[in-house]
């Protein structure tokens, strides 16, 4: 799908479909896997949850974007309490492994519930 500029010259967005390789491993989360309880525990009184999706690109490098994102909670004004309402969702094995390291280093108790 292409959305073009008004003069039709360049696409603004390009959506491509990719064939995913079939895998015998299933990493899906169902009702009995703790998703509901993780969401409930991470939610604020008004049921607000901060959900961050992380992938390999977000967790790699000398100063990963995930670290900068988490630093924002620690360094921001009145944002430290929000970290207990953060639920990290890893979409690949690399980000999942890195996520486990982050949870071990930083006090994000709710984020570890989906393992």
PDB file of N, CA and C in Angstrom:
ATOM      1  N   UNK A   1       0.853  -1.171   0.000  1.00  0.00           N
ATOM      2  CA  UNK A   1       0.000   0.000   0.000  1.00  0.00           C
ATOM      3  C   UNK A   1       0.898   1.232   0.000  1.00  0.00           C
ATOM      4  N   UNK A   2       0.608   2.160  -0.839  1.00  0.00           N
ATOM      5  CA  UNK A   2       1.372   3.397  -0.916  1.00  0.00           C
ATOM      6  C   UNK A   2       0.442   4.575  -0.700  1.00  0.00           C
ATOM      7  N   UNK A   3       0.821   5.460   0.155  1.00  0.00           N
ATOM      8  CA  UNK A   3       0.139   6.740   0.305  1.00  0.00           C
ATOM      9  C   UNK A   3       1.082   7.769  -0.277  1.00  0.00           C
ATOM     10  N   UNK A   4       0.675   8.420  -1.323  1.00  0.00           N
ATOM     11  CA  UNK A   4       1.566   9.341  -2.005  1.00  0.00           C
ATOM     12  C   UNK A   4       1.340  10.772  -1.556  1.00  0.00           C
ATOM     13  N   UNK A   5       2.368  11.588  -1.798  1.00  0.00           N
ATOM     14  CA  UNK A   5       2.238  13.006  -1.523  1.00  0.00           C
ATOM     15  C   UNK A   5       1.218  13.586  -2.485  1.00  0.00           C
ATOM     16  N   UNK A   6       0.797  14.797  -2.246  1.00  0.00           N
ATOM     17  CA  UNK A   6      -0.256  15.394  -3.073  1.00  0.00           C
ATOM     18  C   UNK A   6       0.124  15.483  -4.540  1.00  0.00           C
ATOM     19  N   UNK A   7       1.407  15.628  -4.837  1.00  0.00           N
ATOM     20  CA  UNK A   7       1.802  15.685  -6.244  1.00  0.00           C
ATOM     21  C   UNK A   7       2.068  14.298  -6.820  1.00  0.00           C
ATOM     22  N   UNK A   8       1.934  13.252  -5.990  1.00  0.00           N
ATOM     23  CA  UNK A   8       2.087  11.885  -6.463  1.00  0.00           C
ATOM     24  C   UNK A   8       3.524  11.449  -6.660  1.00  0.00           C
ATOM     25  N   UNK A   9       4.474  12.219  -6.160  1.00  0.00           N
ATOM     26  CA  UNK A   9       5.874  11.934  -6.460  1.00  0.00           C
ATOM     27  C   UNK A   9       6.494  10.821  -5.609  1.00  0.00           C
ATOM     28  N   UNK A  10       6.327  10.878  -4.306  1.00  0.00           N
ATOM     29  CA  UNK A  10       6.985   9.907  -3.440  1.00  0.00           C
ATOM     30  C   UNK A  10       5.984   9.303  -2.464  1.00  0.00           C
ATOM     31  N   UNK A  11       6.166   8.032  -2.146  1.00  0.00           N
ATOM     32  CA  UNK A  11       5.284   7.438  -1.139  1.00  0.00           C
ATOM     33  C   UNK A  11       5.634   7.956   0.254  1.00  0.00           C
ATOM     34  N   UNK A  12       4.610   8.228   1.032  1.00  0.00           N
ATOM     35  CA  UNK A  12       4.825   8.625   2.423  1.00  0.00           C
ATOM     36  C   UNK A  12       5.068   7.403   3.299  1.00  0.00           C
ATOM     37  N   UNK A  13       4.309   6.355   3.055  1.00  0.00           N
ATOM     38  CA  UNK A  13       4.425   5.131   3.826  1.00  0.00           C
ATOM     39  C   UNK A  13       4.450   3.964   2.868  1.00  0.00           C
ATOM     40  N   UNK A  14       5.253   2.992   3.165  1.00  0.00           N
ATOM     41  CA  UNK A  14       5.295   1.775   2.367  1.00  0.00           C
ATOM     42  C   UNK A  14       5.018   0.622   3.316  1.00  0.00           C
ATOM     43  N   UNK A  15       3.982  -0.120   3.040  1.00  0.00           N
ATOM     44  CA  UNK A  15       3.640  -1.283   3.838  1.00  0.00           C
ATOM     45  C   UNK A  15       3.905  -2.506   2.986  1.00  0.00           C
ATOM     46  N   UNK A  16       4.759  -3.372   3.448  1.00  0.00           N
ATOM     47  CA  UNK A  16       5.080  -4.575   2.711  1.00  0.00           C
ATOM     48  C   UNK A  16       4.678  -5.769   3.545  1.00  0.00           C
ATOM     49  N   UNK A  17       4.289  -6.821   2.867  1.00  0.00           N
ATOM     50  CA  UNK A  17       4.000  -8.053   3.583  1.00  0.00           C
ATOM     51  C   UNK A  17       5.212  -8.955   3.462  1.00  0.00           C
ATOM     52  N   UNK A  18       5.571  -9.596   4.535  1.00  0.00           N
ATOM     53  CA  UNK A  18       6.719 -10.488   4.564  1.00  0.00           C
ATOM     54  C   UNK A  18       6.231 -11.880   4.909  1.00  0.00           C
ATOM     55  N   UNK A  19       6.824 -12.860   4.274  1.00  0.00           N
ATOM     56  CA  UNK A  19       6.521 -14.243   4.595  1.00  0.00           C
ATOM     57  C   UNK A  19       7.319 -14.633   5.830  1.00  0.00           C
ATOM     58  N   UNK A  20       6.647 -15.032   6.865  1.00  0.00           N
ATOM     59  CA  UNK A  20       7.325 -15.480   8.073  1.00  0.00           C
ATOM     60  C   UNK A  20       7.613 -16.965   7.942  1.00  0.00           C
ATOM     61  N   UNK A  21       8.775 -17.371   8.412  1.00  0.00           N
ATOM     62  CA  UNK A  21       9.103 -18.780   8.382  1.00  0.00           C
ATOM     63  C   UNK A  21       8.323 -19.485   9.471  1.00  0.00           C
ATOM     64  N   UNK A  22       7.802 -20.632   9.107  1.00  0.00           N
ATOM     65  CA  UNK A  22       7.043 -21.422  10.060  1.00  0.00           C
ATOM     66  C   UNK A  22       7.990 -22.022  11.090  1.00  0.00           C
ATOM     67  N   UNK A  23       7.561 -22.065  12.306  1.00  0.00           N
ATOM     68  CA  UNK A  23       8.390 -22.590  13.375  1.00  0.00           C
ATOM     69  C   UNK A  23       7.590 -23.579  14.196  1.00  0.00           C
ATOM     70  N   UNK A  24       8.279 -24.577  14.723  1.00  0.00           N
ATOM     71  CA  UNK A  24       7.601 -25.523  15.604  1.00  0.00           C
ATOM     72  C   UNK A  24       7.517 -24.963  17.019  1.00  0.00           C
ATOM     73  N   UNK A  25       8.337 -23.957  17.317  1.00  0.00           N
ATOM     74  CA  UNK A  25       8.293 -23.295  18.618  1.00  0.00           C
ATOM     75  C   UNK A  25       7.126 -22.326  18.664  1.00  0.00           C
ATOM     76  N   UNK A  26       6.416 -22.322  19.734  1.00  0.00           N
ATOM     77  CA  UNK A  26       5.311 -21.385  19.901  1.00  0.00           C
ATOM     78  C   UNK A  26       5.622 -20.465  21.064  1.00  0.00           C
ATOM     79  N   UNK A  27       5.646 -19.172  20.800  1.00  0.00           N
ATOM     80  CA  UNK A  27       5.904 -18.189  21.847  1.00  0.00           C
ATOM     81  C   UNK A  27       4.674 -17.337  22.106  1.00  0.00           C
ATOM     82  N   UNK A  28       3.523 -17.874  21.830  1.00  0.00           N
ATOM     83  CA  UNK A  28       2.308 -17.097  22.025  1.00  0.00           C
ATOM     84  C   UNK A  28       1.904 -17.141  23.491  1.00  0.00           C
ATOM     85  N   UNK A  29       1.182 -16.143  23.874  1.00  0.00           N
ATOM     86  CA  UNK A  29       0.711 -16.048  25.247  1.00  0.00           C
ATOM     87  C   UNK A  29      -0.799 -16.178  25.239  1.00  0.00           C
ATOM     88  N   UNK A  30      -1.270 -17.125  25.983  1.00  0.00           N
ATOM     89  CA  UNK A  30      -2.699 -17.347  26.062  1.00  0.00           C
ATOM     90  C   UNK A  30      -3.222 -16.928  27.418  1.00  0.00           C
ATOM     91  N   UNK A  31      -4.520 -17.130  27.632  1.00  0.00           N
ATOM     92  CA  UNK A  31      -5.137 -16.677  28.879  1.00  0.00           C
ATOM     93  C   UNK A  31      -4.517 -17.285  30.130  1.00  0.00           C
ATOM     94  N   UNK A  32      -3.984 -18.502  30.027  1.00  0.00           N
ATOM     95  CA  UNK A  32      -3.420 -19.152  31.197  1.00  0.00           C
ATOM     96  C   UNK A  32      -1.946 -18.860  31.411  1.00  0.00           C
ATOM     97  N   UNK A  33      -1.360 -17.991  30.606  1.00  0.00           N
ATOM     98  CA  UNK A  33       0.071 -17.748  30.670  1.00  0.00           C
ATOM     99  C   UNK A  33       0.463 -16.533  31.496  1.00  0.00           C
ATOM    100  N   UNK A  34      -0.425 -15.925  32.195  1.00  0.00           N
ATOM    101  CA  UNK A  34      -0.081 -14.823  33.070  1.00  0.00           C
ATOM    102  C   UNK A  34      -0.257 -13.442  32.490  1.00  0.00           C
ATOM    103  N   UNK A  35      -0.727 -13.337  31.256  1.00  0.00           N
ATOM    104  CA  UNK A  35      -0.891 -12.018  30.651  1.00  0.00           C
ATOM    105  C   UNK A  35      -1.878 -11.170  31.442  1.00  0.00           C
ATOM    106  N   UNK A  36      -3.003 -11.773  31.771  1.00  0.00           N
ATOM    107  CA  UNK A  36      -4.022 -11.023  32.510  1.00  0.00           C
ATOM    108  C   UNK A  36      -3.499 -10.542  33.864  1.00  0.00           C
ATOM    109  N   UNK A  37      -2.804 -11.415  34.568  1.00  0.00           N
ATOM    110  CA  UNK A  37      -2.295 -11.010  35.886  1.00  0.00           C
ATOM    111  C   UNK A  37      -1.178  -9.978  35.751  1.00  0.00           C
ATOM    112  N   UNK A  38      -0.328 -10.097  34.716  1.00  0.00           N
ATOM    113  CA  UNK A  38       0.731  -9.101  34.508  1.00  0.00           C
ATOM    114  C   UNK A  38       0.131  -7.736  34.208  1.00  0.00           C
ATOM    115  N   UNK A  39      -0.896  -7.707  33.372  1.00  0.00           N
ATOM    116  CA  UNK A  39      -1.563  -6.440  33.063  1.00  0.00           C
ATOM    117  C   UNK A  39      -2.226  -5.860  34.305  1.00  0.00           C
ATOM    118  N   UNK A  40      -2.855  -6.722  35.085  1.00  0.00           N
ATOM    119  CA  UNK A  40      -3.527  -6.272  36.301  1.00  0.00           C
ATOM    120  C   UNK A  40      -2.529  -5.707  37.312  1.00  0.00           C
ATOM    121  N   UNK A  41      -1.404  -6.389  37.480  1.00  0.00           N
ATOM    122  CA  UNK A  41      -0.401  -5.934  38.445  1.00  0.00           C
ATOM    123  C   UNK A  41       0.300  -4.658  37.996  1.00  0.00           C
ATOM    124  N   UNK A  42       0.475  -4.495  36.685  1.00  0.00           N
ATOM    125  CA  UNK A  42       1.175  -3.312  36.170  1.00  0.00           C
ATOM    126  C   UNK A  42       0.262  -2.097  36.064  1.00  0.00           C
ATOM    127  N   UNK A  43      -1.033  -2.308  36.105  1.00  0.00           N
ATOM    128  CA  UNK A  43      -1.945  -1.192  35.864  1.00  0.00           C
ATOM    129  C   UNK A  43      -2.020  -0.234  37.050  1.00  0.00           C
ATOM    130  N   UNK A  44      -2.271   1.016  36.701  1.00  0.00           N
ATOM    131  CA  UNK A  44      -2.485   2.054  37.715  1.00  0.00           C
ATOM    132  C   UNK A  44      -3.915   1.917  38.231  1.00  0.00           C
ATOM    133  N   UNK A  45      -4.282   2.741  39.168  1.00  0.00           N
ATOM    134  CA  UNK A  45      -5.637   2.692  39.719  1.00  0.00           C
ATOM    135  C   UNK A  45      -6.692   2.908  38.636  1.00  0.00           C
ATOM    136  N   UNK A  46      -6.363   3.716  37.625  1.00  0.00           N
ATOM    137  CA  UNK A  46      -7.325   3.971  36.548  1.00  0.00           C
ATOM    138  C   UNK A  46      -7.151   2.996  35.383  1.00  0.00           C
ATOM    139  N   UNK A  47      -6.454   1.880  35.636  1.00  0.00           N
ATOM    140  CA  UNK A  47      -6.227   0.793  34.676  1.00  0.00           C
ATOM    141  C   UNK A  47      -5.293   1.160  33.527  1.00  0.00           C
ATOM    142  N   UNK A  48      -4.497   2.205  33.688  1.00  0.00           N
ATOM    143  CA  UNK A  48      -3.522   2.588  32.671  1.00  0.00           C
ATOM    144  C   UNK A  48      -2.267   1.738  32.827  1.00  0.00           C
ATOM    145  N   UNK A  49      -1.754   1.236  31.706  1.00  0.00           N
ATOM    146  CA  UNK A  49      -0.519   0.460  31.668  1.00  0.00           C
ATOM    147  C   UNK A  49       0.367   1.057  30.584  1.00  0.00           C
ATOM    148  N   UNK A  50       1.657   1.156  30.843  1.00  0.00           N
ATOM    149  CA  UNK A  50       2.609   1.602  29.827  1.00  0.00           C
ATOM    150  C   UNK A  50       3.189   0.345  29.196  1.00  0.00           C
ATOM    151  N   UNK A  51       2.911   0.130  27.924  1.00  0.00           N
ATOM    152  CA  UNK A  51       3.397  -1.052  27.218  1.00  0.00           C
ATOM    153  C   UNK A  51       4.441  -0.615  26.208  1.00  0.00           C
ATOM    154  N   UNK A  52       5.610  -1.230  26.288  1.00  0.00           N
ATOM    155  CA  UNK A  52       6.685  -0.945  25.333  1.00  0.00           C
ATOM    156  C   UNK A  52       7.037  -2.240  24.611  1.00  0.00           C
ATOM    157  N   UNK A  53       7.027  -2.181  23.299  1.00  0.00           N
ATOM    158  CA  UNK A  53       7.398  -3.317  22.470  1.00  0.00           C
ATOM    159  C   UNK A  53       8.881  -3.173  22.147  1.00  0.00           C
ATOM    160  N   UNK A  54       9.667  -4.202  22.411  1.00  0.00           N
ATOM    161  CA  UNK A  54      11.101  -4.140  22.123  1.00  0.00           C
ATOM    162  C   UNK A  54      11.495  -5.267  21.182  1.00  0.00           C
ATOM    163  N   UNK A  55      12.415  -4.944  20.279  1.00  0.00           N
ATOM    164  CA  UNK A  55      12.956  -5.952  19.378  1.00  0.00           C
ATOM    165  C   UNK A  55      14.476  -5.884  19.409  1.00  0.00           C
ATOM    166  N   UNK A  56      15.101  -6.701  18.585  1.00  0.00           N
ATOM    167  CA  UNK A  56      16.560  -6.811  18.554  1.00  0.00           C
ATOM    168  C   UNK A  56      17.239  -5.451  18.381  1.00  0.00           C
ATOM    169  N   UNK A  57      16.733  -4.643  17.468  1.00  0.00           N
ATOM    170  CA  UNK A  57      17.343  -3.335  17.201  1.00  0.00           C
ATOM    171  C   UNK A  57      17.259  -2.413  18.415  1.00  0.00           C
ATOM    172  N   UNK A  58      16.260  -2.587  19.242  1.00  0.00           N
ATOM    173  CA  UNK A  58      16.037  -1.726  20.401  1.00  0.00           C
ATOM    174  C   UNK A  58      16.972  -2.055  21.560  1.00  0.00           C
ATOM    175  N   UNK A  59      17.561  -3.272  21.537  1.00  0.00           N
ATOM    176  CA  UNK A  59      18.366  -3.713  22.677  1.00  0.00           C
ATOM    177  C   UNK A  59      19.846  -3.898  22.360  1.00  0.00           C
ATOM    178  N   UNK A  60      20.260  -3.705  21.118  1.00  0.00           N
ATOM    179  CA  UNK A  60      21.659  -3.916  20.745  1.00  0.00           C
ATOM    180  C   UNK A  60      22.442  -2.612  20.711  1.00  0.00           C
ATOM    181  N   UNK A  61      23.769  -2.740  20.767  1.00  0.00           N
ATOM    182  CA  UNK A  61      24.640  -1.578  20.664  1.00  0.00           C
ATOM    183  C   UNK A  61      25.274  -1.213  21.991  1.00  0.00           C
ATOM    184  N   UNK A  62      26.173  -0.227  21.921  1.00  0.00           N
ATOM    185  CA  UNK A  62      26.876   0.221  23.125  1.00  0.00           C
ATOM    186  C   UNK A  62      25.930   0.888  24.122  1.00  0.00           C
ATOM    187  N   UNK A  63      25.032   1.693  23.632  1.00  0.00           N
ATOM    188  CA  UNK A  63      24.015   2.345  24.473  1.00  0.00           C
ATOM    189  C   UNK A  63      22.659   2.080  23.822  1.00  0.00           C
ATOM    190  N   UNK A  64      22.064   0.911  24.124  1.00  0.00           N
ATOM    191  CA  UNK A  64      20.803   0.541  23.476  1.00  0.00           C
ATOM    192  C   UNK A  64      19.675   1.533  23.768  1.00  0.00           C
ATOM    193  N   UNK A  65      18.771   1.614  22.835  1.00  0.00           N
ATOM    194  CA  UNK A  65      17.616   2.499  23.002  1.00  0.00           C
ATOM    195  C   UNK A  65      16.793   2.109  24.221  1.00  0.00           C
ATOM    196  N   UNK A  66      16.745   0.819  24.538  1.00  0.00           N
ATOM    197  CA  UNK A  66      16.004   0.389  25.723  1.00  0.00           C
ATOM    198  C   UNK A  66      16.592   1.022  26.982  1.00  0.00           C
ATOM    199  N   UNK A  67      17.912   1.069  27.079  1.00  0.00           N
ATOM    200  CA  UNK A  67      18.547   1.705  28.240  1.00  0.00           C
ATOM    201  C   UNK A  67      18.205   3.189  28.316  1.00  0.00           C
ATOM    202  N   UNK A  68      18.233   3.855  27.170  1.00  0.00           N
ATOM    203  CA  UNK A  68      17.886   5.284  27.154  1.00  0.00           C
ATOM    204  C   UNK A  68      16.424   5.491  27.542  1.00  0.00           C
ATOM    205  N   UNK A  69      15.560   4.601  27.057  1.00  0.00           N
ATOM    206  CA  UNK A  69      14.140   4.664  27.395  1.00  0.00           C
ATOM    207  C   UNK A  69      13.951   4.514  28.905  1.00  0.00           C
ATOM    208  N   UNK A  70      14.605   3.512  29.495  1.00  0.00           N
ATOM    209  CA  UNK A  70      14.480   3.283  30.934  1.00  0.00           C
ATOM    210  C   UNK A  70      15.118   4.405  31.743  1.00  0.00           C
ATOM    211  N   UNK A  71      16.225   4.952  31.239  1.00  0.00           N
ATOM    212  CA  UNK A  71      16.856   6.096  31.912  1.00  0.00           C
ATOM    213  C   UNK A  71      15.886   7.268  32.038  1.00  0.00           C
ATOM    214  N   UNK A  72      15.030   7.427  31.060  1.00  0.00           N
ATOM    215  CA  UNK A  72      14.048   8.508  31.092  1.00  0.00           C
ATOM    216  C   UNK A  72      13.124   8.419  32.298  1.00  0.00           C
ATOM    217  N   UNK A  73      12.807   7.193  32.719  1.00  0.00           N
ATOM    218  CA  UNK A  73      11.971   7.023  33.909  1.00  0.00           C
ATOM    219  C   UNK A  73      12.734   7.426  35.165  1.00  0.00           C
ATOM    220  N   UNK A  74      14.026   7.139  35.211  1.00  0.00           N
ATOM    221  CA  UNK A  74      14.829   7.431  36.390  1.00  0.00           C
ATOM    222  C   UNK A  74      15.227   8.891  36.465  1.00  0.00           C
ATOM    223  N   UNK A  75      15.462   9.508  35.316  1.00  0.00           N
ATOM    224  CA  UNK A  75      15.974  10.878  35.302  1.00  0.00           C
ATOM    225  C   UNK A  75      14.901  11.941  35.111  1.00  0.00           C
ATOM    226  N   UNK A  76      13.737  11.548  34.631  1.00  0.00           N
ATOM    227  CA  UNK A  76      12.672  12.506  34.361  1.00  0.00           C
ATOM    228  C   UNK A  76      12.055  13.061  35.631  1.00  0.00           C
ATOM    229  N   UNK A  77      11.319  14.128  35.467  1.00  0.00           N
ATOM    230  CA  UNK A  77      10.650  14.759  36.596  1.00  0.00           C
ATOM    231  C   UNK A  77       9.380  13.993  36.940  1.00  0.00           C
ATOM    232  N   UNK A  78       9.294  13.482  38.151  1.00  0.00           N
ATOM    233  CA  UNK A  78       8.126  12.737  38.636  1.00  0.00           C
ATOM    234  C   UNK A  78       7.766  11.549  37.747  1.00  0.00           C
ATOM    235  N   UNK A  79       8.763  10.871  37.194  1.00  0.00           N
ATOM    236  CA  UNK A  79       8.490   9.721  36.325  1.00  0.00           C
ATOM    237  C   UNK A  79       8.957   8.403  36.934  1.00  0.00           C
ATOM    238  N   UNK A  80       9.679   8.461  38.023  1.00  0.00           N
ATOM    239  CA  UNK A  80      10.230   7.245  38.621  1.00  0.00           C
ATOM    240  C   UNK A  80       9.134   6.248  39.016  1.00  0.00           C
ATOM    241  N   UNK A  81       8.043   6.729  39.525  1.00  0.00           N
ATOM    242  CA  UNK A  81       6.947   5.849  39.922  1.00  0.00           C
ATOM    243  C   UNK A  81       6.255   5.165  38.757  1.00  0.00           C
ATOM    244  N   UNK A  82       6.404   5.726  37.571  1.00  0.00           N
ATOM    245  CA  UNK A  82       5.756   5.142  36.395  1.00  0.00           C
ATOM    246  C   UNK A  82       6.391   3.825  35.966  1.00  0.00           C
ATOM    247  N   UNK A  83       7.634   3.603  36.357  1.00  0.00           N
ATOM    248  CA  UNK A  83       8.327   2.394  35.910  1.00  0.00           C
ATOM    249  C   UNK A  83       7.654   1.127  36.439  1.00  0.00           C
ATOM    250  N   UNK A  84       6.958   1.225  37.555  1.00  0.00           N
ATOM    251  CA  UNK A  84       6.251   0.054  38.080  1.00  0.00           C
ATOM    252  C   UNK A  84       4.990  -0.253  37.279  1.00  0.00           C
ATOM    253  N   UNK A  85       4.637   0.617  36.360  1.00  0.00           N
ATOM    254  CA  UNK A  85       3.475   0.391  35.495  1.00  0.00           C
ATOM    255  C   UNK A  85       3.899   0.058  34.068  1.00  0.00           C
ATOM    256  N   UNK A  86       5.186  -0.247  33.896  1.00  0.00           N
ATOM    257  CA  UNK A  86       5.744  -0.558  32.585  1.00  0.00           C
ATOM    258  C   UNK A  86       5.708  -2.056  32.332  1.00  0.00           C
ATOM    259  N   UNK A  87       5.215  -2.435  31.178  1.00  0.00           N
ATOM    260  CA  UNK A  87       5.188  -3.826  30.751  1.00  0.00           C
ATOM    261  C   UNK A  87       5.963  -3.903  29.443  1.00  0.00           C
ATOM    262  N   UNK A  88       7.115  -4.596  29.465  1.00  0.00           N
ATOM    263  CA  UNK A  88       7.930  -4.741  28.264  1.00  0.00           C
ATOM    264  C   UNK A  88       7.521  -6.010  27.531  1.00  0.00           C
ATOM    265  N   UNK A  89       7.322  -5.896  26.230  1.00  0.00           N
ATOM    266  CA  UNK A  89       6.952  -7.036  25.398  1.00  0.00           C
ATOM    267  C   UNK A  89       8.083  -7.275  24.412  1.00  0.00           C
ATOM    268  N   UNK A  90       8.765  -8.406  24.546  1.00  0.00           N
ATOM    269  CA  UNK A  90       9.864  -8.765  23.651  1.00  0.00           C
ATOM    270  C   UNK A  90       9.296  -9.537  22.465  1.00  0.00           C
ATOM    271  N   UNK A  91       9.688  -9.133  21.248  1.00  0.00           N
ATOM    272  CA  UNK A  91       9.140  -9.778  20.051  1.00  0.00           C
ATOM    273  C   UNK A  91      10.114 -10.744  19.391  1.00  0.00           C
ATOM    274  N   UNK A  92      11.320 -10.875  19.912  1.00  0.00           N
ATOM    275  CA  UNK A  92      12.267 -11.854  19.384  1.00  0.00           C
ATOM    276  C   UNK A  92      13.152 -12.351  20.526  1.00  0.00           C
ATOM    277  N   UNK A  93      13.912 -13.403  20.257  1.00  0.00           N
ATOM    278  CA  UNK A  93      14.718 -14.026  21.307  1.00  0.00           C
ATOM    279  C   UNK A  93      15.793 -13.087  21.847  1.00  0.00           C
ATOM    280  N   UNK A  94      16.436 -12.320  20.969  1.00  0.00           N
ATOM    281  CA  UNK A  94      17.489 -11.400  21.404  1.00  0.00           C
ATOM    282  C   UNK A  94      16.951 -10.382  22.393  1.00  0.00           C
ATOM    283  N   UNK A  95      15.818  -9.780  22.072  1.00  0.00           N
ATOM    284  CA  UNK A  95      15.248  -8.780  22.978  1.00  0.00           C
ATOM    285  C   UNK A  95      14.725  -9.428  24.258  1.00  0.00           C
ATOM    286  N   UNK A  96      14.248 -10.661  24.150  1.00  0.00           N
ATOM    287  CA  UNK A  96      13.776 -11.368  25.342  1.00  0.00           C
ATOM    288  C   UNK A  96      14.936 -11.621  26.308  1.00  0.00           C
ATOM    289  N   UNK A  97      16.080 -12.089  25.776  1.00  0.00           N
ATOM    290  CA  UNK A  97      17.244 -12.339  26.628  1.00  0.00           C
ATOM    291  C   UNK A  97      17.751 -11.043  27.256  1.00  0.00           C
ATOM    292  N   UNK A  98      17.812  -9.979  26.490  1.00  0.00           N
ATOM    293  CA  UNK A  98      18.262  -8.675  27.000  1.00  0.00           C
ATOM    294  C   UNK A  98      17.281  -8.155  28.049  1.00  0.00           C
ATOM    295  N   UNK A  99      16.004  -8.355  27.781  1.00  0.00           N
ATOM    296  CA  UNK A  99      14.947  -7.938  28.701  1.00  0.00           C
ATOM    297  C   UNK A  99      15.133  -8.624  30.048  1.00  0.00           C
ATOM    298  N   UNK A 100      15.499  -9.888  30.024  1.00  0.00           N
ATOM    299  CA  UNK A 100      15.718 -10.617  31.272  1.00  0.00           C
ATOM    300  C   UNK A 100      16.894 -10.026  32.040  1.00  0.00           C
ATOM    301  N   UNK A 101      17.929  -9.577  31.336  1.00  0.00           N
ATOM    302  CA  UNK A 101      19.076  -8.935  31.997  1.00  0.00           C
ATOM    303  C   UNK A 101      18.666  -7.606  32.610  1.00  0.00           C
ATOM    304  N   UNK A 102      17.864  -6.847  31.891  1.00  0.00           N
ATOM    305  CA  UNK A 102      17.404  -5.548  32.392  1.00  0.00           C
ATOM    306  C   UNK A 102      16.569  -5.741  33.642  1.00  0.00           C
ATOM    307  N   UNK A 103      15.695  -6.735  33.635  1.00  0.00           N
ATOM    308  CA  UNK A 103      14.844  -6.988  34.791  1.00  0.00           C
ATOM    309  C   UNK A 103      15.694  -7.382  35.991  1.00  0.00           C
ATOM    310  N   UNK A 104      16.769  -8.114  35.752  1.00  0.00           N
ATOM    311  CA  UNK A 104      17.640  -8.519  36.855  1.00  0.00           C
ATOM    312  C   UNK A 104      18.386  -7.318  37.445  1.00  0.00           C
ATOM    313  N   UNK A 105      18.713  -6.319  36.610  1.00  0.00           N
ATOM    314  CA  UNK A 105      19.475  -5.156  37.074  1.00  0.00           C
ATOM    315  C   UNK A 105      18.600  -4.061  37.659  1.00  0.00           C
ATOM    316  N   UNK A 106      17.407  -3.897  37.141  1.00  0.00           N
ATOM    317  CA  UNK A 106      16.574  -2.767  37.531  1.00  0.00           C
ATOM    318  C   UNK A 106      15.287  -3.260  38.182  1.00  0.00           C
ATOM    319  N   UNK A 107      14.754  -2.519  39.121  1.00  0.00           N
ATOM    320  CA  UNK A 107      13.538  -2.958  39.813  1.00  0.00           C
ATOM    321  C   UNK A 107      12.280  -2.758  38.969  1.00  0.00           C
ATOM    322  N   UNK A 108      12.047  -3.693  38.063  1.00  0.00           N
ATOM    323  CA  UNK A 108      10.823  -3.677  37.261  1.00  0.00           C
ATOM    324  C   UNK A 108      10.121  -5.012  37.518  1.00  0.00           C
ATOM    325  N   UNK A 109       9.534  -5.200  38.674  1.00  0.00           N
ATOM    326  CA  UNK A 109       9.001  -6.510  39.029  1.00  0.00           C
ATOM    327  C   UNK A 109       7.876  -6.998  38.130  1.00  0.00           C
ATOM    328  N   UNK A 110       7.051  -6.118  37.632  1.00  0.00           N
ATOM    329  CA  UNK A 110       5.910  -6.546  36.834  1.00  0.00           C
ATOM    330  C   UNK A 110       6.314  -7.036  35.454  1.00  0.00           C
ATOM    331  N   UNK A 111       7.398  -6.527  34.903  1.00  0.00           N
ATOM    332  CA  UNK A 111       7.789  -6.847  33.532  1.00  0.00           C
ATOM    333  C   UNK A 111       8.219  -8.295  33.375  1.00  0.00           C
ATOM    334  N   UNK A 112       8.600  -8.947  34.425  1.00  0.00           N
ATOM    335  CA  UNK A 112       9.118 -10.304  34.331  1.00  0.00           C
ATOM    336  C   UNK A 112       8.014 -11.357  34.362  1.00  0.00           C
ATOM    337  N   UNK A 113       6.773 -10.974  34.501  1.00  0.00           N
ATOM    338  CA  UNK A 113       5.670 -11.903  34.685  1.00  0.00           C
ATOM    339  C   UNK A 113       5.327 -12.712  33.443  1.00  0.00           C
ATOM    340  N   UNK A 114       5.689 -12.256  32.244  1.00  0.00           N
ATOM    341  CA  UNK A 114       5.267 -12.936  31.024  1.00  0.00           C
ATOM    342  C   UNK A 114       6.212 -14.039  30.586  1.00  0.00           C
ATOM    343  N   UNK A 115       7.182 -14.383  31.366  1.00  0.00           N
ATOM    344  CA  UNK A 115       8.143 -15.417  30.960  1.00  0.00           C
ATOM    345  C   UNK A 115       7.525 -16.782  31.006  1.00  0.00           C
TER     346      UNK A 115
END
